[in-house]
Amino acid sequence: MTDFTLTLPSEIIFDAFLYLDYPGLMSVKLTCKRFYDIIKARALWMHFVRLLEENHGYSLPEEESVYTVDALEQWVMRRLRVLDIWSRSSSPRCKVHACFERSSIQDAAPVTDDSKTTYSLLPGGRWLLSISDASGPGVFLYDLEATGSANGNALVVIDAKSWSDGIVNQGTISPNDTGFSRQRQYKFWIDYSKTQMTFLVAVMSFDSQRTVGVCGIVETRLSGYGSDASFNIRPRANFQFEVGNRQFDSALMTFNNRYLVVAGVDRMGLDHVPITVVDYSASVHRQGSPVIVNPEAFMLDSSIDRDLEFIHGNTFALFRKTAIHLFEVVSPNDPERPPIVEELHSIPLGNEEDPNAGYEWSPLRRFPGASNISMRSLNAEFSILTISDTKSKPSSSPLTGRAEYDQLLHQEDRWALPTSFLFQGISWSVTWLGSPTGTVLELLEHQKGGDSAENKNRRRTVSLPEDLKAKFKGDKPQNAILGFDEETGRLVVGLQEKKEKNVRLMAIDIV
């Protein structure tokens, strides 16, 4: 009998391969030389790149032209493999990818279990951003794929002391104004409009009277690929702005590649505090153009106001305890006039009087034409908020998972753990749980539709390596999840061994 694959046109075989999943692609690679040659077509892997972007929000970090066919295949197959792991009913395993001892990086950016130091895994799971509080050294970027000492892996994005000294030397802030030096705030923003991974980092501070602010912004852009990849850092803007004559206790901030938005927060919520927008696009070492936005419309209260975040373009969101407000910064036709800020939508999420009201938010994920954020209420109800680029009212879709989440946290042999032990993603949450038999890593899927009976297998217990089990057996784990990347199945935890002050930074891959 003649093998039909010998006479079947290559075009038809190619079209059939477009519908393969991860196991199928792995199989055809090993079937015969003809299949292997067909699967090495660049168009095939670019097809899967587009599917991953449309269906999951995963994008190449560099221009597609810099990738060889083998590099595209590697990038696609890693993500398809992780999606295949998520789809299985069996429990996955994990392996330690990298581990940095605190002692090897304490001179650069201390890794601590202090909640005042925050960490963010950039999309793709390779780069970890470390942002210290006002007393820390600034912002650092770690390459989790690099070899050698952790000191060599740490890239300084913003040196807080040098930035502070520079502002004082320019005369923007008086050297005697101690309020400025103690109250630095940081924020980063990923520019998805670039074909290369690019993000901006802002550092902001105020004088002791909270009437004058200063801000410095740097641009960090990826160049090179694989082992040659690195980030180039350059100053973007450095400016002063006024925030009015009303006192406030703290401030929320967000920014994009043109605007800085600052909202003063009154701790007691007793006074109306304005939102200030600064167009810094042409501001380098000079004052920007502040705009006060309807100061009587908001009473910002630190007990209910959570965050400010640019969603897409010039649309930003104010996340409150029981509502989300969407605004758009509109650029005027006349360059001499300040921008206009309009409220697009207000999305109520609950009753502020309800003690169980309130939400935790996942990091934003960009899709073509929209952005998704997963929300978890204090009642452990999950939902997905989709914010369209068309400025239409956002839609919210309920997700299953509450029953499984309750079981996850309230089993008799599990300790109740703080929020730092759970990291919430778009489709999955990951948590460390402690028990007398050791630390347990578990995954919980956020599944659209269905009920708990249909989704009874949506929890996954991840098998830990024996050496990790032994380190934490019998004691409450002193660790926290610092970042979780669903795209590559990687999480980063800060680990503190029993009775030890040393803290390690560990990257763990789910396999």
Protein backbone atom coordinates (compact mmCIF):
# COMPACT_ATOMS: atom_id res chain seq x y z
CA MET A 1 0.00 0.00 0.00
CA THR A 2 1.32 3.41 -0.99
CA ASP A 3 1.75 5.90 1.84
CA PHE A 4 -0.69 8.72 0.99
CA THR A 5 1.65 11.26 2.58
CA LEU A 6 4.09 10.69 -0.26
CA THR A 7 1.61 11.90 -2.88
CA LEU A 8 -0.34 14.48 -0.86
CA PRO A 9 0.60 18.04 -1.91
CA SER A 10 2.75 19.90 0.61
CA GLU A 11 0.26 22.79 0.62
CA ILE A 12 -2.50 20.52 1.97
CA ILE A 13 -0.22 19.08 4.64
CA PHE A 14 0.81 22.62 5.63
CA ASP A 15 -2.85 23.67 5.98
CA ALA A 16 -3.55 20.62 8.14
CA PHE A 17 -0.62 21.48 10.44
CA LEU A 18 -2.20 24.89 11.16
CA TYR A 19 -4.81 23.12 13.31
CA LEU A 20 -2.40 21.06 15.43
CA ASP A 21 -2.02 21.50 19.17
CA TYR A 22 1.18 21.09 21.17
CA PRO A 23 1.23 17.25 21.27
CA GLY A 24 0.37 17.13 17.56
CA LEU A 25 3.21 19.48 16.60
CA MET A 26 5.64 17.45 18.69
CA SER A 27 4.52 14.25 16.96
CA VAL A 28 4.74 15.44 13.35
CA LYS A 29 8.24 16.77 13.92
CA LEU A 30 9.34 13.21 14.61
CA THR A 31 7.27 11.45 11.93
CA CYS A 32 9.37 11.82 8.78
CA LYS A 33 11.75 14.14 7.01
CA ARG A 34 9.03 15.53 4.75
CA PHE A 35 6.86 16.56 7.70
CA TYR A 36 9.91 17.98 9.45
CA ASP A 37 10.75 20.12 6.41
CA ILE A 38 7.16 21.40 6.14
CA ILE A 39 7.00 22.29 9.80
CA LYS A 40 10.11 24.44 9.42
CA ALA A 41 8.17 26.96 7.30
CA ARG A 42 8.28 30.48 8.78
CA ALA A 43 4.66 31.11 7.78
CA LEU A 44 3.53 28.19 9.97
CA TRP A 45 5.06 29.61 13.14
CA MET A 46 3.90 33.15 12.39
CA HIS A 47 0.37 31.71 12.14
CA PHE A 48 0.71 30.38 15.70
CA VAL A 49 2.21 33.69 16.86
CA ARG A 50 -0.93 35.47 15.61
CA LEU A 51 -3.21 32.90 17.29
CA LEU A 52 -1.43 33.30 20.62
CA GLU A 53 -1.77 37.07 20.39
CA GLU A 54 -5.47 37.01 19.45
CA ASN A 55 -6.59 34.30 21.87
CA HIS A 56 -4.27 34.81 24.83
CA GLY A 57 -2.68 38.25 24.57
CA TYR A 58 0.89 36.91 24.12
CA SER A 59 3.14 39.01 21.88
CA LEU A 60 6.69 38.69 20.60
CA PRO A 61 8.95 40.98 22.66
CA GLU A 62 11.02 41.92 19.59
CA GLU A 63 10.30 42.66 15.93
CA GLU A 64 9.43 39.43 14.16
CA SER A 65 12.17 40.04 11.58
CA VAL A 66 14.92 39.41 14.17
CA TYR A 67 13.65 35.88 14.87
CA THR A 68 14.97 32.90 12.97
CA VAL A 69 12.54 30.08 12.20
CA ASP A 70 14.04 28.03 15.03
CA ALA A 71 13.65 30.97 17.44
CA LEU A 72 9.99 31.42 16.43
CA GLU A 73 9.39 27.70 16.90
CA GLN A 74 10.98 27.80 20.35
CA TRP A 75 8.92 30.83 21.40
CA VAL A 76 5.64 29.32 20.17
CA MET A 77 6.25 25.80 21.50
CA ARG A 78 7.02 27.01 25.01
CA ARG A 79 3.70 28.83 25.21
CA LEU A 80 1.74 25.99 23.61
CA ARG A 81 3.35 23.57 26.05
CA VAL A 82 2.22 25.69 29.01
CA LEU A 83 -1.32 25.94 27.59
CA ASP A 84 -1.28 22.16 27.24
CA ILE A 85 -0.26 21.84 30.90
CA TRP A 86 -3.12 24.13 31.94
CA SER A 87 -5.61 21.99 30.00
CA ARG A 88 -4.68 18.69 31.66
CA SER A 89 -6.55 17.23 34.62
CA SER A 90 -3.36 15.74 36.09
CA SER A 91 -1.15 17.66 38.50
CA PRO A 92 1.88 19.37 36.91
CA ARG A 93 5.39 19.37 38.29
CA CYS A 94 7.76 22.26 38.83
CA LYS A 95 11.49 22.80 38.73
CA VAL A 96 13.76 25.51 40.05
CA HIS A 97 14.99 27.64 37.14
CA ALA A 98 17.17 30.13 39.01
CA CYS A 99 17.93 31.05 42.60
CA PHE A 100 19.64 34.22 43.82
CA GLU A 101 20.95 34.40 47.36
CA ARG A 102 20.20 37.63 49.19
CA SER A 103 23.85 37.99 50.15
CA SER A 104 24.92 38.14 46.50
CA ILE A 105 22.64 41.04 45.60
CA GLN A 106 22.21 43.02 48.83
CA ASP A 107 24.57 45.73 47.60
CA ALA A 108 22.41 46.23 44.52
CA ALA A 109 18.74 45.70 45.29
CA PRO A 110 17.89 43.94 48.55
CA VAL A 111 15.48 41.04 48.23
CA THR A 112 13.30 41.09 51.32
CA ASP A 113 9.95 39.83 52.45
CA ASP A 114 9.04 43.42 53.29
CA SER A 115 5.79 44.43 51.57
CA LYS A 116 7.34 47.83 50.77
CA THR A 117 9.45 46.22 48.07
CA THR A 118 7.37 45.14 45.08
CA TYR A 119 8.29 42.87 42.21
CA SER A 120 6.77 42.49 38.74
CA LEU A 121 7.48 39.84 36.14
CA LEU A 122 7.45 41.46 32.72
CA PRO A 123 5.53 39.61 29.97
CA GLY A 124 7.49 36.57 28.86
CA GLY A 125 8.80 35.71 32.34
CA ARG A 126 12.46 36.54 31.70
CA TRP A 127 12.77 39.95 33.33
CA LEU A 128 11.90 40.77 36.95
CA LEU A 129 11.41 44.39 37.96
CA SER A 130 12.19 45.26 41.60
CA ILE A 131 10.84 48.53 43.01
CA SER A 132 11.82 49.57 46.54
CA ASP A 133 9.95 51.96 48.79
CA ALA A 134 11.09 55.48 49.66
CA SER A 135 13.96 54.21 51.81
CA GLY A 136 15.21 51.77 49.15
CA PRO A 137 17.76 52.27 46.41
CA GLY A 138 15.33 52.62 43.49
CA VAL A 139 14.35 50.37 40.57
CA PHE A 140 16.29 47.33 39.38
CA LEU A 141 15.78 44.81 36.59
CA TYR A 142 16.88 41.18 36.91
CA ASP A 143 17.53 38.82 34.01
CA LEU A 144 16.30 35.40 35.14
CA GLU A 145 17.89 33.72 32.11
CA ALA A 146 21.40 35.08 32.67
CA THR A 147 24.16 32.95 34.13
CA GLY A 148 26.68 33.97 36.73
CA SER A 149 26.24 35.91 39.97
CA ALA A 150 23.04 37.77 40.73
CA ASN A 151 25.03 40.97 41.06
CA GLY A 152 25.88 40.68 37.39
CA ASN A 153 22.20 40.16 36.54
CA ALA A 154 20.98 43.33 38.22
CA LEU A 155 20.47 46.32 35.92
CA VAL A 156 19.94 49.70 37.57
CA VAL A 157 16.92 51.42 36.01
CA ILE A 158 16.63 54.31 38.47
CA ASP A 159 19.21 55.06 41.16
CA ALA A 160 17.04 56.89 43.70
CA LYS A 161 19.93 58.68 45.42
CA SER A 162 21.38 60.01 42.17
CA TRP A 163 17.94 61.15 41.04
CA SER A 164 17.29 62.91 44.38
CA ASP A 165 20.68 64.64 44.32
CA GLY A 166 20.08 65.76 40.73
CA ILE A 167 16.70 67.32 41.57
CA VAL A 168 18.14 69.17 44.57
CA ASN A 169 21.12 70.42 42.54
CA GLN A 170 18.74 71.81 39.90
CA GLY A 171 17.04 73.88 42.58
CA THR A 172 13.66 72.22 41.98
CA ILE A 173 13.42 71.17 45.63
CA SER A 174 15.16 72.77 48.57
CA PRO A 175 17.89 70.60 50.15
CA ASN A 176 16.25 71.30 53.51
CA ASP A 177 12.87 69.91 52.42
CA THR A 178 12.91 66.50 54.10
CA GLY A 179 9.39 65.67 52.94
CA PHE A 180 10.63 65.27 49.39
CA SER A 181 13.32 62.70 50.13
CA ARG A 182 11.04 60.47 52.22
CA GLN A 183 8.05 60.21 49.89
CA ARG A 184 9.19 58.79 46.58
CA GLN A 185 6.71 56.83 44.49
CA TYR A 186 7.41 54.61 41.51
CA LYS A 187 5.33 53.32 38.62
CA PHE A 188 6.11 51.51 35.40
CA TRP A 189 4.13 51.40 32.17
CA ILE A 190 4.59 49.00 29.24
CA ASP A 191 4.35 50.60 25.80
CA TYR A 192 2.50 47.96 23.75
CA SER A 193 2.59 50.15 20.64
CA LYS A 194 6.28 49.36 20.16
CA THR A 195 7.44 46.33 18.20
CA GLN A 196 10.22 45.88 20.77
CA MET A 197 9.50 45.42 24.47
CA THR A 198 9.61 48.95 25.85
CA PHE A 199 8.59 50.23 29.24
CA LEU A 200 8.83 53.53 31.04
CA VAL A 201 9.56 53.96 34.75
CA ALA A 202 8.54 57.09 36.66
CA VAL A 203 9.69 58.28 40.08
CA MET A 204 7.67 61.05 41.74
CA SER A 205 7.92 63.02 44.94
CA PHE A 206 6.41 66.09 46.63
CA ASP A 207 7.59 68.89 48.84
CA SER A 208 6.62 68.79 52.50
CA GLN A 209 3.54 70.96 51.86
CA ARG A 210 2.27 68.62 49.13
CA THR A 211 1.76 71.51 46.71
CA VAL A 212 4.71 70.96 44.35
CA GLY A 213 5.66 67.67 42.74
CA VAL A 214 8.68 66.55 40.77
CA CYS A 215 8.87 63.60 38.43
CA GLY A 216 11.59 61.82 36.49
CA ILE A 217 10.84 59.32 33.72
CA VAL A 218 13.25 56.93 31.98
CA GLU A 219 12.70 54.74 28.93
CA THR A 220 13.91 51.14 28.94
CA ARG A 221 13.94 49.36 25.57
CA LEU A 222 14.91 45.79 24.74
CA SER A 223 17.54 45.20 22.08
CA GLY A 224 19.01 41.94 20.83
CA TYR A 225 17.59 38.44 21.19
CA GLY A 226 18.27 35.39 23.34
CA SER A 227 21.56 35.48 25.21
CA ASP A 228 22.40 38.78 23.50
CA ALA A 229 19.24 40.50 24.76
CA SER A 230 19.69 43.57 26.94
CA PHE A 231 17.85 46.76 27.84
CA ASN A 232 18.96 50.23 26.83
CA ILE A 233 18.04 52.95 29.32
CA ARG A 234 17.76 56.65 28.54
CA PRO A 235 16.20 59.65 30.34
CA ARG A 236 12.79 60.60 28.94
CA ALA A 237 11.68 63.61 31.02
CA ASN A 238 12.40 65.46 34.25
CA PHE A 239 9.90 68.10 35.34
CA GLN A 240 8.10 69.96 38.13
CA PHE A 241 4.34 70.42 38.47
CA GLU A 242 1.85 72.02 40.87
CA VAL A 243 -0.98 70.08 42.51
CA GLY A 244 -3.05 72.92 43.93
CA ASN A 245 -3.41 74.29 47.43
CA ARG A 246 -5.32 71.44 49.08
CA GLN A 247 -3.56 69.18 51.53
CA PHE A 248 -3.67 65.42 50.98
CA ASP A 249 -2.22 62.44 52.81
CA SER A 250 -0.98 60.34 49.92
CA ALA A 251 -1.25 60.18 46.15
CA LEU A 252 -2.13 57.76 43.40
CA MET A 253 -0.27 58.08 40.11
CA THR A 254 -0.20 56.65 36.61
CA PHE A 255 1.34 57.71 33.33
CA ASN A 256 1.85 56.78 29.69
CA ASN A 257 4.18 58.08 26.96
CA ARG A 258 2.67 61.56 27.15
CA TYR A 259 0.67 62.23 30.32
CA LEU A 260 1.24 61.95 34.05
CA VAL A 261 -1.95 61.65 36.15
CA VAL A 262 -1.79 62.33 39.90
CA ALA A 263 -4.69 62.05 42.36
CA GLY A 264 -4.22 63.23 45.92
CA VAL A 265 -5.92 61.02 48.51
CA ASP A 266 -7.42 62.31 51.76
CA ARG A 267 -7.02 59.65 54.44
CA MET A 268 -10.41 60.47 55.98
CA GLY A 269 -12.17 61.25 52.72
CA LEU A 270 -13.35 64.59 54.14
CA ASP A 271 -12.07 66.94 51.48
CA HIS A 272 -12.40 67.12 47.72
CA VAL A 273 -8.98 66.61 46.16
CA PRO A 274 -8.31 67.41 42.49
CA ILE A 275 -6.89 65.09 39.88
CA THR A 276 -3.90 66.67 38.15
CA VAL A 277 -2.85 65.81 34.59
CA VAL A 278 0.55 66.87 33.26
CA ASP A 279 1.46 66.78 29.58
CA TYR A 280 5.15 66.04 29.88
CA SER A 281 5.78 65.15 26.22
CA ALA A 282 7.85 68.30 25.67
CA SER A 283 8.97 68.73 29.27
CA VAL A 284 12.65 68.06 29.80
CA HIS A 285 14.02 69.94 32.82
CA ARG A 286 11.12 72.36 32.75
CA GLN A 287 7.61 72.67 34.13
CA GLY A 288 4.79 70.76 32.49
CA SER A 289 1.19 71.86 31.96
CA PRO A 290 -1.02 70.84 34.91
CA VAL A 291 -4.77 70.51 34.53
CA ILE A 292 -7.17 70.33 37.47
CA VAL A 293 -10.05 68.00 36.65
CA ASN A 294 -13.44 68.80 38.18
CA PRO A 295 -12.23 68.97 41.81
CA GLU A 296 -15.77 68.82 43.24
CA ALA A 297 -16.51 65.45 41.59
CA PHE A 298 -14.41 63.18 43.79
CA MET A 299 -13.68 62.65 47.44
CA LEU A 300 -10.70 60.30 47.20
CA ASP A 301 -10.33 58.18 50.31
CA SER A 302 -7.36 55.88 50.99
CA SER A 303 -9.74 53.33 52.51
CA ILE A 304 -11.62 52.87 49.21
CA ASP A 305 -9.29 54.13 46.45
CA ARG A 306 -6.94 51.46 45.19
CA ASP A 307 -5.05 52.48 42.08
CA LEU A 308 -4.79 54.53 38.91
CA GLU A 309 -3.85 52.77 35.67
CA PHE A 310 -3.63 53.71 32.01
CA ILE A 311 -5.53 51.02 30.09
CA HIS A 312 -4.94 51.86 26.44
CA GLY A 313 -4.10 55.01 24.51
CA ASN A 314 -5.02 57.99 26.69
CA THR A 315 -7.75 56.14 28.61
CA PHE A 316 -7.04 55.58 32.30
CA ALA A 317 -8.98 53.99 35.14
CA LEU A 318 -9.46 54.89 38.78
CA PHE A 319 -9.95 51.64 40.69
CA ARG A 320 -12.02 52.12 43.82
CA LYS A 321 -13.23 49.67 46.43
CA THR A 322 -16.65 49.31 44.86
CA ALA A 323 -16.41 51.05 41.47
CA ILE A 324 -14.22 51.73 38.48
CA HIS A 325 -14.15 55.14 36.77
CA LEU A 326 -12.80 55.38 33.21
CA PHE A 327 -11.43 58.68 31.91
CA GLU A 328 -9.92 59.85 28.66
CA VAL A 329 -7.33 62.59 28.26
CA VAL A 330 -8.27 64.46 25.08
CA SER A 331 -5.58 66.47 23.32
CA PRO A 332 -6.77 69.89 22.15
CA ASN A 333 -6.39 71.03 18.55
CA ASP A 334 -4.70 74.18 19.77
CA PRO A 335 -1.25 73.28 21.15
CA GLU A 336 -1.38 76.32 23.44
CA ARG A 337 -4.42 74.93 25.28
CA PRO A 338 -4.21 72.28 28.01
CA PRO A 339 -5.66 68.80 27.50
CA ILE A 340 -9.24 68.03 28.47
CA VAL A 341 -10.17 65.08 30.69
CA GLU A 342 -13.56 63.43 30.22
CA GLU A 343 -15.17 60.68 32.26
CA LEU A 344 -16.24 57.87 29.92
CA HIS A 345 -17.86 55.34 32.24
CA SER A 346 -18.52 54.57 35.88
CA ILE A 347 -18.89 50.86 36.69
CA PRO A 348 -20.39 50.13 40.12
CA LEU A 349 -19.10 46.94 41.75
CA GLY A 350 -20.88 46.88 45.10
CA ASN A 351 -22.03 48.73 48.19
CA GLU A 352 -19.36 50.66 50.08
CA GLU A 353 -21.20 49.92 53.35
CA ASP A 354 -20.83 46.19 52.82
CA PRO A 355 -17.86 44.95 54.91
CA ASN A 356 -17.26 42.22 52.31
CA ALA A 357 -17.16 44.67 49.41
CA GLY A 358 -13.91 45.23 47.61
CA TYR A 359 -11.79 43.61 44.92
CA GLU A 360 -8.29 42.43 44.23
CA TRP A 361 -7.08 42.99 40.67
CA SER A 362 -4.79 41.06 38.40
CA PRO A 363 -2.19 42.75 36.20
CA LEU A 364 -3.61 44.05 32.93
CA ARG A 365 -3.29 41.93 29.80
CA ARG A 366 -3.51 43.47 26.35
CA PHE A 367 -5.42 41.77 23.54
CA PRO A 368 -5.96 43.12 20.01
CA GLY A 369 -8.68 45.73 20.47
CA ALA A 370 -9.23 45.26 24.21
CA SER A 371 -7.68 44.76 27.65
CA ASN A 372 -8.64 42.15 30.25
CA ILE A 373 -8.36 42.28 34.03
CA SER A 374 -9.51 39.54 36.40
CA MET A 375 -11.23 40.61 39.62
CA ARG A 376 -11.59 38.70 42.89
CA SER A 377 -14.03 39.95 45.52
CA LEU A 378 -13.58 39.47 49.25
CA ASN A 379 -16.31 36.85 48.89
CA ALA A 380 -13.97 34.95 46.55
CA GLU A 381 -16.12 35.59 43.49
CA PHE A 382 -14.09 35.84 40.29
CA SER A 383 -14.92 37.81 37.17
CA ILE A 384 -13.22 39.14 34.05
CA LEU A 385 -13.51 42.82 33.11
CA THR A 386 -13.04 43.51 29.39
CA ILE A 387 -12.26 47.13 28.48
CA SER A 388 -12.61 47.75 24.75
CA ASP A 389 -10.42 50.18 22.83
CA THR A 390 -13.60 51.54 21.21
CA LYS A 391 -14.54 53.38 24.45
CA SER A 392 -17.75 51.34 24.75
CA LYS A 393 -18.85 50.45 28.25
CA PRO A 394 -16.73 47.65 29.72
CA SER A 395 -18.33 44.22 30.08
CA SER A 396 -17.96 41.93 33.07
CA SER A 397 -18.16 38.14 32.81
CA PRO A 398 -18.59 35.97 35.94
CA LEU A 399 -16.10 33.16 36.39
CA THR A 400 -16.34 29.91 38.30
CA GLY A 401 -13.92 29.19 41.07
CA ARG A 402 -15.48 30.38 44.32
CA ALA A 403 -16.23 26.92 45.69
CA GLU A 404 -12.78 25.68 44.75
CA TYR A 405 -11.17 28.81 46.23
CA ASP A 406 -13.04 28.35 49.52
CA GLN A 407 -11.90 24.73 49.69
CA LEU A 408 -8.39 25.81 48.83
CA LEU A 409 -8.07 28.18 51.78
CA HIS A 410 -10.27 26.58 54.41
CA GLN A 411 -9.18 22.98 54.61
CA GLU A 412 -8.55 21.98 58.20
CA ASP A 413 -4.92 21.06 57.57
CA ARG A 414 -4.11 24.35 55.81
CA TRP A 415 -3.00 27.57 57.40
CA ALA A 416 -4.69 30.83 56.50
CA LEU A 417 -2.17 32.84 54.55
CA PRO A 418 -1.98 36.56 53.67
CA THR A 419 -2.56 37.99 50.22
CA SER A 420 1.17 37.87 49.45
CA PHE A 421 0.85 34.09 49.28
CA LEU A 422 -1.60 34.34 46.38
CA PHE A 423 -0.90 35.86 42.99
CA GLN A 424 -3.86 36.44 40.72
CA GLY A 425 -3.58 36.13 36.96
CA ILE A 426 -6.12 36.41 34.15
CA SER A 427 -6.94 32.73 33.76
CA TRP A 428 -5.20 31.23 36.80
CA SER A 429 -4.29 32.13 40.35
CA VAL A 430 -1.37 30.52 42.14
CA THR A 431 -0.92 30.21 45.90
CA TRP A 432 1.44 28.73 48.47
CA LEU A 433 -0.34 26.84 51.23
CA GLY A 434 1.23 25.57 54.42
CA SER A 435 0.36 22.36 56.27
CA PRO A 436 2.03 20.14 58.88
CA THR A 437 3.29 17.96 56.03
CA GLY A 438 4.94 20.79 54.16
CA THR A 439 4.41 23.61 51.69
CA VAL A 440 1.94 23.06 48.85
CA LEU A 441 1.78 25.01 45.61
CA GLU A 442 -1.68 25.06 44.08
CA LEU A 443 -3.24 26.51 40.94
CA LEU A 444 -6.85 27.61 40.59
CA GLU A 445 -8.39 28.15 37.17
CA HIS A 446 -10.81 31.01 36.47
CA GLN A 447 -13.23 29.33 34.08
CA LYS A 448 -15.98 31.11 32.19
CA GLY A 449 -19.47 29.62 32.60
CA GLY A 450 -20.50 26.33 34.13
CA ASP A 451 -20.90 25.51 37.80
CA SER A 452 -18.65 24.06 40.46
CA ALA A 453 -19.76 20.50 39.66
CA GLU A 454 -18.64 20.87 36.06
CA ASN A 455 -15.40 22.47 37.15
CA LYS A 456 -14.48 20.16 40.00
CA ASN A 457 -11.04 19.48 38.49
CA ARG A 458 -10.06 23.12 38.08
CA ARG A 459 -7.66 23.00 41.03
CA ARG A 460 -4.16 21.69 40.47
CA THR A 461 -1.69 20.72 43.16
CA VAL A 462 1.83 21.21 41.82
CA SER A 463 4.40 18.59 42.76
CA LEU A 464 7.37 20.26 44.44
CA PRO A 465 10.96 18.99 44.16
CA GLU A 466 12.01 16.94 47.17
CA ASP A 467 14.68 19.44 48.22
CA LEU A 468 12.07 22.19 48.50
CA LYS A 469 9.68 19.96 50.43
CA ALA A 470 12.38 19.15 52.95
CA LYS A 471 13.24 22.78 53.60
CA PHE A 472 9.75 23.75 54.72
CA LYS A 473 8.33 20.58 56.24
CA GLY A 474 6.68 21.13 59.60
CA ASP A 475 6.97 24.93 59.78
CA LYS A 476 4.85 27.72 58.44
CA PRO A 477 6.48 28.81 55.20
CA GLN A 478 8.05 32.25 55.35
CA ASN A 479 7.71 32.98 51.66
CA ALA A 480 5.69 35.16 49.35
CA ILE A 481 4.77 35.00 45.69
CA LEU A 482 6.42 37.96 44.00
CA GLY A 483 5.30 37.36 40.44
CA PHE A 484 3.47 34.87 38.22
CA ASP A 485 3.64 34.68 34.43
CA GLU A 486 0.85 32.54 32.95
CA GLU A 487 2.41 32.86 29.51
CA THR A 488 5.50 30.80 30.38
CA GLY A 489 4.30 29.05 33.53
CA ARG A 490 6.90 30.80 35.66
CA LEU A 491 6.54 32.19 39.17
CA VAL A 492 9.03 33.99 41.36
CA VAL A 493 8.96 33.58 45.13
CA GLY A 494 10.93 35.11 47.96
CA LEU A 495 11.98 32.23 50.21
CA GLN A 496 13.10 32.55 53.80
CA GLU A 497 14.33 29.32 55.34
CA LYS A 498 13.36 28.29 58.84
CA LYS A 499 15.05 30.34 61.57
CA GLU A 500 17.16 32.14 58.97
CA LYS A 501 17.20 35.83 58.07
CA ASN A 502 18.55 35.20 54.59
CA VAL A 503 15.98 35.60 51.85
CA ARG A 504 16.39 34.03 48.43
CA LEU A 505 14.78 34.99 45.17
CA MET A 506 13.73 31.85 43.28
CA ALA A 507 12.30 31.45 39.78
CA ILE A 508 10.22 28.28 39.45
CA ASP A 509 8.92 26.84 36.18
CA ILE A 510 5.77 24.72 36.01
CA VAL A 511 6.45 21.80 33.67
